[in-house]
C-alpha atoms as a PDB file:
ATOM      1  CA  MET A   1      43.420   4.808  44.097  1.00  0.00           C
ATOM      2  CA  LYS A   2      46.136   2.212  44.702  1.00  0.00           C
ATOM      3  CA  ILE A   3      46.469  -0.716  42.283  1.00  0.00           C
ATOM      4  CA  LEU A   4      48.652  -3.792  42.736  1.00  0.00           C
ATOM      5  CA  PHE A   5      49.780  -5.330  39.462  1.00  0.00           C
ATOM      6  CA  TYR A   6      50.363  -9.076  39.686  1.00  0.00           C
ATOM      7  CA  GLY A   7      52.534 -11.177  37.395  1.00  0.00           C
ATOM      8  CA  THR A   8      54.282  -8.268  35.724  1.00  0.00           C
ATOM      9  CA  LYS A   9      57.282  -8.302  33.418  1.00  0.00           C
ATOM     10  CA  ASN A  10      59.583  -5.465  32.428  1.00  0.00           C
ATOM     11  CA  TYR A  11      57.476  -4.707  29.361  1.00  0.00           C
ATOM     12  CA  ASP A  12      54.350  -4.293  31.526  1.00  0.00           C
ATOM     13  CA  GLU A  13      56.156  -1.753  33.678  1.00  0.00           C
ATOM     14  CA  GLU A  14      57.457   0.097  30.621  1.00  0.00           C
ATOM     15  CA  PHE A  15      54.061   0.645  29.027  1.00  0.00           C
ATOM     16  CA  PHE A  16      52.082   1.380  32.207  1.00  0.00           C
ATOM     17  CA  GLU A  17      54.646   3.728  33.738  1.00  0.00           C
ATOM     18  CA  LYS A  18      54.743   5.708  30.509  1.00  0.00           C
ATOM     19  CA  LEU A  19      50.996   6.392  30.862  1.00  0.00           C
ATOM     20  CA  LEU A  20      50.839   6.978  34.613  1.00  0.00           C
ATOM     21  CA  PRO A  21      51.389  10.785  34.507  1.00  0.00           C
ATOM     22  CA  SER A  22      48.187  11.078  32.467  1.00  0.00           C
ATOM     23  CA  PHE A  23      46.139   9.485  35.252  1.00  0.00           C
ATOM     24  CA  PRO A  24      46.491  11.638  38.373  1.00  0.00           C
ATOM     25  CA  GLY A  25      45.137  10.104  41.546  1.00  0.00           C
ATOM     26  CA  ILE A  26      46.180   6.579  40.578  1.00  0.00           C
ATOM     27  CA  THR A  27      49.282   4.922  42.017  1.00  0.00           C
ATOM     28  CA  ILE A  28      50.476   1.499  40.988  1.00  0.00           C
ATOM     29  CA  LYS A  29      52.872  -1.072  42.338  1.00  0.00           C
ATOM     30  CA  PHE A  30      54.270  -3.976  40.328  1.00  0.00           C
ATOM     31  CA  THR A  31      55.032  -7.451  41.612  1.00  0.00           C
ATOM     32  CA  GLU A  32      56.535 -10.197  39.496  1.00  0.00           C
ATOM     33  CA  ALA A  33      54.697 -12.813  41.542  1.00  0.00           C
ATOM     34  CA  ASN A  34      51.458 -13.996  40.025  1.00  0.00           C
ATOM     35  CA  ILE A  35      48.299 -14.143  42.082  1.00  0.00           C
ATOM     36  CA  HIS A  36      47.456 -17.377  43.907  1.00  0.00           C
ATOM     37  CA  GLU A  37      46.577 -18.428  47.446  1.00  0.00           C
ATOM     38  CA  GLU A  38      49.957 -17.468  48.892  1.00  0.00           C
ATOM     39  CA  THR A  39      50.167 -14.047  47.220  1.00  0.00           C
ATOM     40  CA  ALA A  40      46.574 -12.813  47.409  1.00  0.00           C
ATOM     41  CA  SER A  41      47.292 -11.352  50.857  1.00  0.00           C
ATOM     42  CA  LEU A  42      49.734  -8.903  49.246  1.00  0.00           C
ATOM     43  CA  ALA A  43      46.668  -6.974  48.097  1.00  0.00           C
ATOM     44  CA  LYS A  44      45.987  -5.652  51.604  1.00  0.00           C
ATOM     45  CA  GLY A  45      45.690  -1.883  51.432  1.00  0.00           C
ATOM     46  CA  TYR A  46      44.942  -1.827  47.703  1.00  0.00           C
ATOM     47  CA  GLU A  47      41.523  -0.946  46.346  1.00  0.00           C
ATOM     48  CA  ALA A  48      42.252  -2.711  43.058  1.00  0.00           C
ATOM     49  CA  ILE A  49      44.430  -5.426  41.630  1.00  0.00           C
ATOM     50  CA  CYS A  50      45.440  -5.945  38.019  1.00  0.00           C
ATOM     51  CA  ALA A  51      45.987  -9.431  36.605  1.00  0.00           C
ATOM     52  CA  PHE A  52      46.701 -11.101  33.284  1.00  0.00           C
ATOM     53  CA  VAL A  53      45.358 -14.071  31.378  1.00  0.00           C
ATOM     54  CA  ASN A  54      47.495 -16.573  33.321  1.00  0.00           C
ATOM     55  CA  ALA A  55      46.265 -15.500  36.777  1.00  0.00           C
ATOM     56  CA  ASP A  56      44.336 -17.773  39.129  1.00  0.00           C
ATOM     57  CA  LEU A  57      41.242 -15.852  40.197  1.00  0.00           C
ATOM     58  CA  GLY A  58      39.181 -18.753  41.426  1.00  0.00           C
ATOM     59  CA  THR A  59      36.829 -18.854  44.389  1.00  0.00           C
ATOM     60  CA  GLU A  60      39.398 -18.975  47.197  1.00  0.00           C
ATOM     61  CA  ILE A  61      41.490 -16.177  45.720  1.00  0.00           C
ATOM     62  CA  ILE A  62      38.454 -13.940  45.208  1.00  0.00           C
ATOM     63  CA  GLU A  63      37.411 -14.569  48.810  1.00  0.00           C
ATOM     64  CA  GLU A  64      40.877 -13.621  50.028  1.00  0.00           C
ATOM     65  CA  LEU A  65      40.870 -10.467  47.908  1.00  0.00           C
ATOM     66  CA  HIS A  66      37.527  -9.554  49.476  1.00  0.00           C
ATOM     67  CA  ASN A  67      39.009 -10.120  52.931  1.00  0.00           C
ATOM     68  CA  GLN A  68      41.850  -7.739  52.012  1.00  0.00           C
ATOM     69  CA  GLY A  69      39.404  -5.024  50.966  1.00  0.00           C
ATOM     70  CA  VAL A  70      39.820  -5.233  47.188  1.00  0.00           C
ATOM     71  CA  LYS A  71      36.870  -3.724  45.314  1.00  0.00           C
ATOM     72  CA  LEU A  72      38.067  -3.913  41.714  1.00  0.00           C
ATOM     73  CA  ILE A  73      39.763  -6.496  39.501  1.00  0.00           C
ATOM     74  CA  LEU A  74      41.339  -5.103  36.350  1.00  0.00           C
ATOM     75  CA  MET A  75      42.106  -7.725  33.714  1.00  0.00           C
ATOM     76  CA  ARG A  76      44.759  -6.436  31.316  1.00  0.00           C
ATOM     77  CA  CYS A  77      43.512  -8.872  28.664  1.00  0.00           C
ATOM     78  CA  ALA A  78      40.299  -9.749  26.840  1.00  0.00           C
ATOM     79  CA  GLY A  79      39.680 -13.179  28.368  1.00  0.00           C
ATOM     80  CA  TYR A  80      38.165 -13.694  31.799  1.00  0.00           C
ATOM     81  CA  ASN A  81      37.477 -17.445  31.904  1.00  0.00           C
ATOM     82  CA  ASN A  82      39.988 -17.632  34.786  1.00  0.00           C
ATOM     83  CA  VAL A  83      37.837 -15.370  37.006  1.00  0.00           C
ATOM     84  CA  ASP A  84      35.123 -16.707  39.337  1.00  0.00           C
ATOM     85  CA  LEU A  85      32.614 -14.039  38.419  1.00  0.00           C
ATOM     86  CA  GLU A  86      29.869 -15.443  40.644  1.00  0.00           C
ATOM     87  CA  THR A  87      31.991 -15.057  43.772  1.00  0.00           C
ATOM     88  CA  ALA A  88      33.264 -11.647  42.679  1.00  0.00           C
ATOM     89  CA  HIS A  89      29.723 -10.394  42.167  1.00  0.00           C
ATOM     90  CA  LYS A  90      28.636 -11.863  45.508  1.00  0.00           C
ATOM     91  CA  TYR A  91      31.183  -9.663  47.262  1.00  0.00           C
ATOM     92  CA  GLY A  92      30.514  -6.619  45.095  1.00  0.00           C
ATOM     93  CA  ILE A  93      33.912  -6.784  43.407  1.00  0.00           C
ATOM     94  CA  ARG A  94      33.753  -5.237  39.939  1.00  0.00           C
ATOM     95  CA  VAL A  95      35.627  -6.945  37.111  1.00  0.00           C
ATOM     96  CA  LEU A  96      36.792  -4.914  34.116  1.00  0.00           C
ATOM     97  CA  ARG A  97      38.666  -6.139  31.062  1.00  0.00           C
ATOM     98  CA  VAL A  98      40.258  -5.005  27.806  1.00  0.00           C
ATOM     99  CA  PRO A  99      37.805  -6.307  25.205  1.00  0.00           C
ATOM    100  CA  GLY A 100      39.883  -5.300  22.203  1.00  0.00           C
ATOM    101  CA  TYR A 101      43.470  -4.123  22.040  1.00  0.00           C
ATOM    102  CA  SER A 102      44.916  -5.003  18.665  1.00  0.00           C
ATOM    103  CA  PRO A 103      43.010  -7.714  16.832  1.00  0.00           C
ATOM    104  CA  GLU A 104      45.457  -7.429  13.954  1.00  0.00           C
ATOM    105  CA  ALA A 105      48.342  -8.389  16.257  1.00  0.00           C
ATOM    106  CA  VAL A 106      46.773 -11.748  17.113  1.00  0.00           C
ATOM    107  CA  ALA A 107      45.466 -12.382  13.605  1.00  0.00           C
ATOM    108  CA  GLU A 108      48.850 -11.663  12.051  1.00  0.00           C
ATOM    109  CA  HIS A 109      50.473 -14.075  14.496  1.00  0.00           C
ATOM    110  CA  ALA A 110      47.877 -16.701  13.613  1.00  0.00           C
ATOM    111  CA  MET A 111      48.799 -16.393   9.953  1.00  0.00           C
ATOM    112  CA  ALA A 112      52.501 -16.419  10.845  1.00  0.00           C
ATOM    113  CA  LEU A 113      51.962 -19.719  12.657  1.00  0.00           C
ATOM    114  CA  ALA A 114      50.006 -21.115   9.718  1.00  0.00           C
ATOM    115  CA  LEU A 115      52.727 -20.122   7.255  1.00  0.00           C
ATOM    116  CA  THR A 116      55.549 -21.354   9.475  1.00  0.00           C
ATOM    117  CA  ALA A 117      53.882 -24.694  10.122  1.00  0.00           C
ATOM    118  CA  ASN A 118      52.984 -25.095   6.449  1.00  0.00           C
ATOM    119  CA  ARG A 119      56.324 -24.101   4.903  1.00  0.00           C
ATOM    120  CA  HIS A 120      58.497 -25.416   7.792  1.00  0.00           C
ATOM    121  CA  THR A 121      60.246 -22.061   8.050  1.00  0.00           C
ATOM    122  CA  HIS A 122      61.497 -22.836  11.551  1.00  0.00           C
ATOM    123  CA  LYS A 123      63.182 -26.027  10.337  1.00  0.00           C
ATOM    124  CA  ALA A 124      64.608 -24.331   7.235  1.00  0.00           C
ATOM    125  CA  TYR A 125      66.189 -21.624   9.403  1.00  0.00           C
ATOM    126  CA  ILE A 126      67.923 -24.198  11.614  1.00  0.00           C
ATOM    127  CA  LYS A 127      69.094 -26.237   8.614  1.00  0.00           C
ATOM    128  CA  CYS A 128      70.598 -23.185   6.893  1.00  0.00           C
ATOM    129  CA  ARG A 129      72.428 -22.178  10.073  1.00  0.00           C
ATOM    130  CA  GLU A 130      74.085 -25.603   9.927  1.00  0.00           C
ATOM    131  CA  ASN A 131      74.991 -25.146   6.234  1.00  0.00           C
ATOM    132  CA  ASN A 132      72.363 -27.688   5.220  1.00  0.00           C
ATOM    133  CA  PHE A 133      70.629 -26.324   2.140  1.00  0.00           C
ATOM    134  CA  ALA A 134      68.760 -29.475   1.173  1.00  0.00           C
ATOM    135  CA  LEU A 135      64.999 -29.110   0.705  1.00  0.00           C
ATOM    136  CA  SER A 136      64.036 -32.476   2.161  1.00  0.00           C
ATOM    137  CA  GLY A 137      61.253 -32.187   4.737  1.00  0.00           C
ATOM    138  CA  LEU A 138      60.363 -28.634   3.760  1.00  0.00           C
ATOM    139  CA  MET A 139      57.565 -29.079   1.207  1.00  0.00           C
ATOM    140  CA  GLY A 140      54.384 -27.137   1.905  1.00  0.00           C
ATOM    141  CA  VAL A 141      51.136 -26.353   0.110  1.00  0.00           C
ATOM    142  CA  ASN A 142      49.757 -23.204  -1.524  1.00  0.00           C
ATOM    143  CA  PHE A 143      47.245 -21.225   0.516  1.00  0.00           C
ATOM    144  CA  HIS A 144      46.028 -19.450  -2.628  1.00  0.00           C
ATOM    145  CA  GLY A 145      42.854 -21.111  -3.849  1.00  0.00           C
ATOM    146  CA  LYS A 146      42.346 -23.091  -0.650  1.00  0.00           C
ATOM    147  CA  THR A 147      39.535 -22.711   1.902  1.00  0.00           C
ATOM    148  CA  ALA A 148      40.089 -21.062   5.273  1.00  0.00           C
ATOM    149  CA  GLY A 149      37.657 -21.815   8.080  1.00  0.00           C
ATOM    150  CA  ILE A 150      37.399 -19.180  10.816  1.00  0.00           C
ATOM    151  CA  ILE A 151      35.737 -20.323  14.053  1.00  0.00           C
ATOM    152  CA  GLY A 152      34.644 -17.173  15.848  1.00  0.00           C
ATOM    153  CA  THR A 153      34.266 -13.876  13.996  1.00  0.00           C
ATOM    154  CA  GLY A 154      34.844 -11.286  16.671  1.00  0.00           C
ATOM    155  CA  LYS A 155      37.406  -8.579  15.978  1.00  0.00           C
ATOM    156  CA  ILE A 156      40.334 -11.017  15.793  1.00  0.00           C
ATOM    157  CA  GLY A 157      38.438 -13.526  13.676  1.00  0.00           C
ATOM    158  CA  GLN A 158      37.407 -10.751  11.317  1.00  0.00           C
ATOM    159  CA  ALA A 159      41.012  -9.597  10.972  1.00  0.00           C
ATOM    160  CA  MET A 160      42.120 -13.176  10.255  1.00  0.00           C
ATOM    161  CA  ALA A 161      39.351 -13.580   7.672  1.00  0.00           C
ATOM    162  CA  ARG A 162      40.559 -10.502   5.814  1.00  0.00           C
ATOM    163  CA  ILE A 163      44.160 -11.732   5.881  1.00  0.00           C
ATOM    164  CA  CYS A 164      43.102 -15.093   4.450  1.00  0.00           C
ATOM    165  CA  ARG A 165      41.063 -13.343   1.792  1.00  0.00           C
ATOM    166  CA  GLY A 166      44.151 -11.334   0.907  1.00  0.00           C
ATOM    167  CA  PHE A 167      46.012 -14.601   0.318  1.00  0.00           C
ATOM    168  CA  GLY A 168      43.427 -15.520  -2.293  1.00  0.00           C
ATOM    169  CA  MET A 169      41.625 -18.021  -0.105  1.00  0.00           C
ATOM    170  CA  LYS A 170      37.927 -18.742   0.036  1.00  0.00           C
ATOM    171  CA  VAL A 171      36.870 -17.858   3.590  1.00  0.00           C
ATOM    172  CA  ILE A 172      34.066 -19.590   5.446  1.00  0.00           C
ATOM    173  CA  ALA A 173      33.155 -19.025   9.079  1.00  0.00           C
ATOM    174  CA  TYR A 174      31.175 -20.403  11.981  1.00  0.00           C
ATOM    175  CA  ASP A 175      29.831 -18.231  14.774  1.00  0.00           C
ATOM    176  CA  LEU A 176      26.752 -18.454  16.988  1.00  0.00           C
ATOM    177  CA  PHE A 177      26.225 -14.756  16.229  1.00  0.00           C
ATOM    178  CA  PRO A 178      27.112 -14.122  12.568  1.00  0.00           C
ATOM    179  CA  ASN A 179      28.258 -10.637  11.619  1.00  0.00           C
ATOM    180  CA  PRO A 180      26.121  -9.426   8.687  1.00  0.00           C
ATOM    181  CA  ASN A 181      28.651  -6.694   7.899  1.00  0.00           C
ATOM    182  CA  LEU A 182      31.519  -9.117   7.311  1.00  0.00           C
ATOM    183  CA  ASP A 183      31.267  -9.431   3.563  1.00  0.00           C
ATOM    184  CA  CYS A 184      34.452 -11.418   2.978  1.00  0.00           C
ATOM    185  CA  VAL A 185      33.146 -14.639   4.532  1.00  0.00           C
ATOM    186  CA  GLU A 186      30.380 -17.147   4.000  1.00  0.00           C
ATOM    187  CA  TYR A 187      28.805 -18.424   7.208  1.00  0.00           C
ATOM    188  CA  VAL A 188      28.271 -22.171   7.402  1.00  0.00           C
ATOM    189  CA  SER A 189      27.522 -24.765  10.072  1.00  0.00           C
ATOM    190  CA  LEU A 190      30.374 -26.081  12.188  1.00  0.00           C
ATOM    191  CA  ASP A 191      30.198 -29.474  10.478  1.00  0.00           C
ATOM    192  CA  GLU A 192      30.393 -27.837   7.049  1.00  0.00           C
ATOM    193  CA  LEU A 193      33.378 -25.753   8.113  1.00  0.00           C
ATOM    194  CA  LEU A 194      35.223 -28.784   9.464  1.00  0.00           C
ATOM    195  CA  ALA A 195      34.575 -30.763   6.295  1.00  0.00           C
ATOM    196  CA  GLN A 196      35.489 -28.038   3.796  1.00  0.00           C
ATOM    197  CA  SER A 197      38.430 -26.167   5.347  1.00  0.00           C
ATOM    198  CA  ASP A 198      42.075 -26.629   4.390  1.00  0.00           C
ATOM    199  CA  LEU A 199      43.072 -24.186   7.147  1.00  0.00           C
ATOM    200  CA  ILE A 200      41.116 -23.899  10.407  1.00  0.00           C
ATOM    201  CA  SER A 201      41.871 -20.999  12.735  1.00  0.00           C
ATOM    202  CA  LEU A 202      40.284 -20.708  16.197  1.00  0.00           C
ATOM    203  CA  HIS A 203      39.200 -17.262  17.401  1.00  0.00           C
ATOM    204  CA  CYS A 204      36.401 -17.896  19.896  1.00  0.00           C
ATOM    205  CA  PRO A 205      36.305 -17.355  23.674  1.00  0.00           C
ATOM    206  CA  LEU A 206      36.668 -20.250  26.098  1.00  0.00           C
ATOM    207  CA  THR A 207      33.288 -21.027  27.665  1.00  0.00           C
ATOM    208  CA  LYS A 208      31.522 -24.127  28.946  1.00  0.00           C
ATOM    209  CA  GLU A 209      30.099 -24.555  25.459  1.00  0.00           C
ATOM    210  CA  THR A 210      33.387 -24.149  23.593  1.00  0.00           C
ATOM    211  CA  ARG A 211      35.702 -26.086  25.934  1.00  0.00           C
ATOM    212  CA  HIS A 212      37.226 -28.953  23.933  1.00  0.00           C
ATOM    213  CA  LEU A 213      35.437 -27.793  20.800  1.00  0.00           C
ATOM    214  CA  ILE A 214      38.229 -29.562  18.943  1.00  0.00           C
ATOM    215  CA  ASN A 215      38.038 -33.178  20.046  1.00  0.00           C
ATOM    216  CA  ALA A 216      38.123 -36.676  18.578  1.00  0.00           C
ATOM    217  CA  GLU A 217      34.660 -36.280  17.060  1.00  0.00           C
ATOM    218  CA  THR A 218      35.276 -32.891  15.423  1.00  0.00           C
ATOM    219  CA  ILE A 219      38.770 -33.890  14.288  1.00  0.00           C
ATOM    220  CA  GLU A 220      37.274 -36.905  12.531  1.00  0.00           C
ATOM    221  CA  LYS A 221      35.032 -34.533  10.546  1.00  0.00           C
ATOM    222  CA  MET A 222      37.992 -32.511   9.251  1.00  0.00           C
ATOM    223  CA  LYS A 223      39.664 -32.981   5.895  1.00  0.00           C
ATOM    224  CA  ASP A 224      42.724 -35.183   5.840  1.00  0.00           C
ATOM    225  CA  GLY A 225      45.771 -32.927   5.638  1.00  0.00           C
ATOM    226  CA  VAL A 226      44.128 -29.956   7.320  1.00  0.00           C
ATOM    227  CA  ILE A 227      46.189 -27.200   8.972  1.00  0.00           C
ATOM    228  CA  LEU A 228      44.953 -26.195  12.443  1.00  0.00           C
ATOM    229  CA  VAL A 229      45.920 -22.962  14.224  1.00  0.00           C
ATOM    230  CA  ASN A 230      44.969 -21.855  17.739  1.00  0.00           C
ATOM    231  CA  THR A 231      45.808 -18.383  19.041  1.00  0.00           C
ATOM    232  CA  SER A 232      42.739 -18.101  21.274  1.00  0.00           C
ATOM    233  CA  ARG A 233      42.604 -20.367  24.359  1.00  0.00           C
ATOM    234  CA  GLY A 234      44.280 -23.719  24.955  1.00  0.00           C
ATOM    235  CA  GLY A 235      41.132 -25.238  26.413  1.00  0.00           C
ATOM    236  CA  LEU A 236      39.383 -25.064  23.039  1.00  0.00           C
ATOM    237  CA  ILE A 237      41.347 -28.186  22.079  1.00  0.00           C
ATOM    238  CA  ARG A 238      41.330 -31.526  23.881  1.00  0.00           C
ATOM    239  CA  THR A 239      45.060 -32.086  23.660  1.00  0.00           C
ATOM    240  CA  ASP A 240      45.045 -35.884  23.932  1.00  0.00           C
ATOM    241  CA  ASP A 241      42.676 -36.043  20.968  1.00  0.00           C
ATOM    242  CA  LEU A 242      44.839 -33.606  19.014  1.00  0.00           C
ATOM    243  CA  ILE A 243      47.915 -35.749  19.666  1.00  0.00           C
ATOM    244  CA  ALA A 244      46.015 -38.841  18.529  1.00  0.00           C
ATOM    245  CA  GLY A 245      45.003 -37.017  15.347  1.00  0.00           C
ATOM    246  CA  ILE A 246      48.585 -35.965  14.664  1.00  0.00           C
ATOM    247  CA  ARG A 247      49.787 -39.550  15.144  1.00  0.00           C
ATOM    248  CA  GLU A 248      47.112 -40.734  12.705  1.00  0.00           C
ATOM    249  CA  HIS A 249      48.388 -38.204  10.100  1.00  0.00           C
ATOM    250  CA  LYS A 250      45.115 -36.265  10.088  1.00  0.00           C
ATOM    251  CA  PHE A 251      46.933 -32.912  10.113  1.00  0.00           C
ATOM    252  CA  PHE A 252      49.361 -31.529   7.585  1.00  0.00           C
ATOM    253  CA  ALA A 253      50.494 -29.056  10.214  1.00  0.00           C
ATOM    254  CA  VAL A 254      49.480 -27.559  13.551  1.00  0.00           C
ATOM    255  CA  GLY A 255      50.331 -24.100  14.920  1.00  0.00           C
ATOM    256  CA  LEU A 256      49.710 -23.393  18.606  1.00  0.00           C
ATOM    257  CA  ASP A 257      50.237 -20.171  20.522  1.00  0.00           C
ATOM    258  CA  VAL A 258      48.142 -21.484  23.432  1.00  0.00           C
ATOM    259  CA  TYR A 259      47.797 -24.916  24.986  1.00  0.00           C
ATOM    260  CA  GLU A 260      45.966 -26.528  27.862  1.00  0.00           C
ATOM    261  CA  GLU A 261      48.797 -26.870  30.364  1.00  0.00           C
ATOM    262  CA  GLU A 262      50.376 -23.460  29.813  1.00  0.00           C
ATOM    263  CA  THR A 263      48.948 -21.742  32.919  1.00  0.00           C
ATOM    264  CA  ASP A 264      51.756 -22.598  35.336  1.00  0.00           C
ATOM    265  CA  PHE A 265      54.666 -21.730  33.090  1.00  0.00           C
ATOM    266  CA  VAL A 266      53.451 -19.380  30.368  1.00  0.00           C
ATOM    267  CA  PHE A 267      55.761 -16.345  30.045  1.00  0.00           C
ATOM    268  CA  GLU A 268      58.378 -18.056  32.256  1.00  0.00           C
ATOM    269  CA  ASP A 269      61.850 -19.390  31.422  1.00  0.00           C
ATOM    270  CA  MET A 270      61.593 -23.102  32.205  1.00  0.00           C
ATOM    271  CA  SER A 271      64.685 -24.145  30.242  1.00  0.00           C
ATOM    272  CA  GLU A 272      66.521 -25.371  33.353  1.00  0.00           C
ATOM    273  CA  MET A 273      63.569 -27.298  34.765  1.00  0.00           C
ATOM    274  CA  ILE A 274      61.837 -30.607  34.190  1.00  0.00           C
ATOM    275  CA  LEU A 275      58.190 -29.912  33.470  1.00  0.00           C
ATOM    276  CA  PRO A 276      55.680 -31.872  35.570  1.00  0.00           C
ATOM    277  CA  SER A 277      53.647 -32.926  32.528  1.00  0.00           C
ATOM    278  CA  SER A 278      54.736 -34.395  29.215  1.00  0.00           C
ATOM    279  CA  ILE A 279      51.986 -32.910  27.038  1.00  0.00           C
ATOM    280  CA  THR A 280      54.021 -29.954  25.788  1.00  0.00           C
ATOM    281  CA  GLN A 281      57.049 -32.138  25.085  1.00  0.00           C
ATOM    282  CA  ARG A 282      54.876 -34.595  23.184  1.00  0.00           C
ATOM    283  CA  LEU A 283      53.530 -31.802  20.998  1.00  0.00           C
ATOM    284  CA  LEU A 284      57.010 -30.399  20.391  1.00  0.00           C
ATOM    285  CA  SER A 285      58.235 -33.840  19.356  1.00  0.00           C
ATOM    286  CA  PHE A 286      56.148 -33.797  16.173  1.00  0.00           C
ATOM    287  CA  PRO A 287      57.883 -32.367  13.097  1.00  0.00           C
ATOM    288  CA  ASN A 288      54.671 -30.756  11.813  1.00  0.00           C
ATOM    289  CA  VAL A 289      53.825 -28.857  15.013  1.00  0.00           C
ATOM    290  CA  VAL A 290      54.941 -25.262  15.692  1.00  0.00           C
ATOM    291  CA  MET A 291      54.460 -23.776  19.152  1.00  0.00           C
ATOM    292  CA  THR A 292      54.962 -20.277  20.515  1.00  0.00           C
ATOM    293  CA  SER A 293      54.506 -18.984  24.060  1.00  0.00           C
ATOM    294  CA  HIS A 294      51.209 -17.071  24.011  1.00  0.00           C
ATOM    295  CA  GLN A 295      52.786 -14.166  22.172  1.00  0.00           C
ATOM    296  CA  GLY A 296      50.004 -13.324  19.736  1.00  0.00           C
ATOM    297  CA  PHE A 297      49.281 -10.104  21.629  1.00  0.00           C
ATOM    298  CA  PHE A 298      52.943  -9.128  21.909  1.00  0.00           C
ATOM    299  CA  THR A 299      53.329  -6.043  19.729  1.00  0.00           C
ATOM    300  CA  ARG A 300      54.044  -2.465  20.748  1.00  0.00           C
ATOM    301  CA  GLU A 301      50.664  -1.373  19.462  1.00  0.00           C
ATOM    302  CA  ALA A 302      48.791  -4.039  21.420  1.00  0.00           C
ATOM    303  CA  LEU A 303      50.678  -3.384  24.670  1.00  0.00           C
ATOM    304  CA  THR A 304      49.987   0.346  24.308  1.00  0.00           C
ATOM    305  CA  ASN A 305      46.275  -0.301  23.817  1.00  0.00           C
ATOM    306  CA  ILE A 306      46.161  -2.715  26.760  1.00  0.00           C
ATOM    307  CA  ALA A 307      47.778  -0.169  29.067  1.00  0.00           C
ATOM    308  CA  GLU A 308      45.538   2.674  27.877  1.00  0.00           C
ATOM    309  CA  THR A 309      42.289   0.744  28.274  1.00  0.00           C
ATOM    310  CA  THR A 310      43.275  -0.709  31.644  1.00  0.00           C
ATOM    311  CA  MET A 311      44.105   2.725  33.037  1.00  0.00           C
ATOM    312  CA  GLU A 312      40.931   4.221  31.558  1.00  0.00           C
ATOM    313  CA  ASN A 313      38.944   1.429  33.234  1.00  0.00           C
ATOM    314  CA  ALA A 314      40.563   2.280  36.564  1.00  0.00           C
ATOM    315  CA  ARG A 315      39.861   5.989  36.155  1.00  0.00           C
ATOM    316  CA  ALA A 316      36.220   5.364  35.232  1.00  0.00           C
ATOM    317  CA  TYR A 317      35.751   3.301  38.396  1.00  0.00           C
ATOM    318  CA  MET A 318      37.552   5.865  40.551  1.00  0.00           C
ATOM    319  CA  ASN A 319      35.410   8.714  39.176  1.00  0.00           C
ATOM    320  CA  GLY A 320      32.120   6.826  39.368  1.00  0.00           C
ATOM    321  CA  GLU A 321      31.690   6.884  35.584  1.00  0.00           C
ATOM    322  CA  GLU A 322      30.047   4.311  33.340  1.00  0.00           C
ATOM    323  CA  LEU A 323      32.044   1.057  33.303  1.00  0.00           C
ATOM    324  CA  LYS A 324      31.888   0.247  29.607  1.00  0.00           C
ATOM    325  CA  ASN A 325      34.214  -2.737  29.901  1.00  0.00           C
ATOM    326  CA  GLU A 326      32.686  -4.389  32.956  1.00  0.00           C
ATOM    327  CA  VAL A 327      32.246  -8.167  32.873  1.00  0.00           C
ATOM    328  CA  LEU A 328      28.746  -8.902  34.101  1.00  0.00           C
ATOM    329  CA  SER A 329      28.380 -12.597  33.297  1.00  0.00           C
END
């Protein structure tokens, strides 16, 4: 089986090449180019392609992959909202993903963002480097005794709930499918969560129902001075409404690892370029906003798990075994 890996970085190659000897019969080739209309034709001669969360796997790309003979799409991530599943299924292309790699990695980053945004650690670091040891602009709030609202209690949301509980916070949660075994949270309605939470952390998938879950209406229902963190998908937040809320002083702080316009430049060095949109710059202009570049997953443990599960998915398909991680809808 030959697999073409799109949009790879040196760390992708490191972790996948380390595992390759354990998967005889599979050969892989890496290309730094991401998949889009112009690069889909590179898949000719490959039975499978492997893509990441920032790949464009819309209708036209899926059709081109079908024309090139691709039978399998391996997503080396949990999300698949960027894949046209209907077209893939029409052509008999199987789609496999990595449903869980290291929930603690993302949850820990979510808390790191919350702490950094709250205590202005990023600003304090810069000030100290410039021999400025004044405390002006650095005041935060205690998390102990406050209420954390977790939206989405899958594996990552559960890990975040336990972290918040460890900080001495009351933890409430909203999920369409509550987990009865998660004893450290109290499930409430979305409106109750918005109204009661001092810290809101998003951990739900991006679907038609959850797109722009955070918007002008839901922001209005939040407490004044709330801290909002998103390490899930940028599309969960309507960015213009978030910016309006920040300008109106609704938020004490905001921590974002994902954002709506990240697709074209996530994981890329754009420091020498002028970005085509001003949304990211507008967010970065606010003193109470902290942004990172979709790095919640970026730990050695998570990358190891991603590589292992992706290669196991490929082997299962090659050997005609049960596809436990297939995306069916």
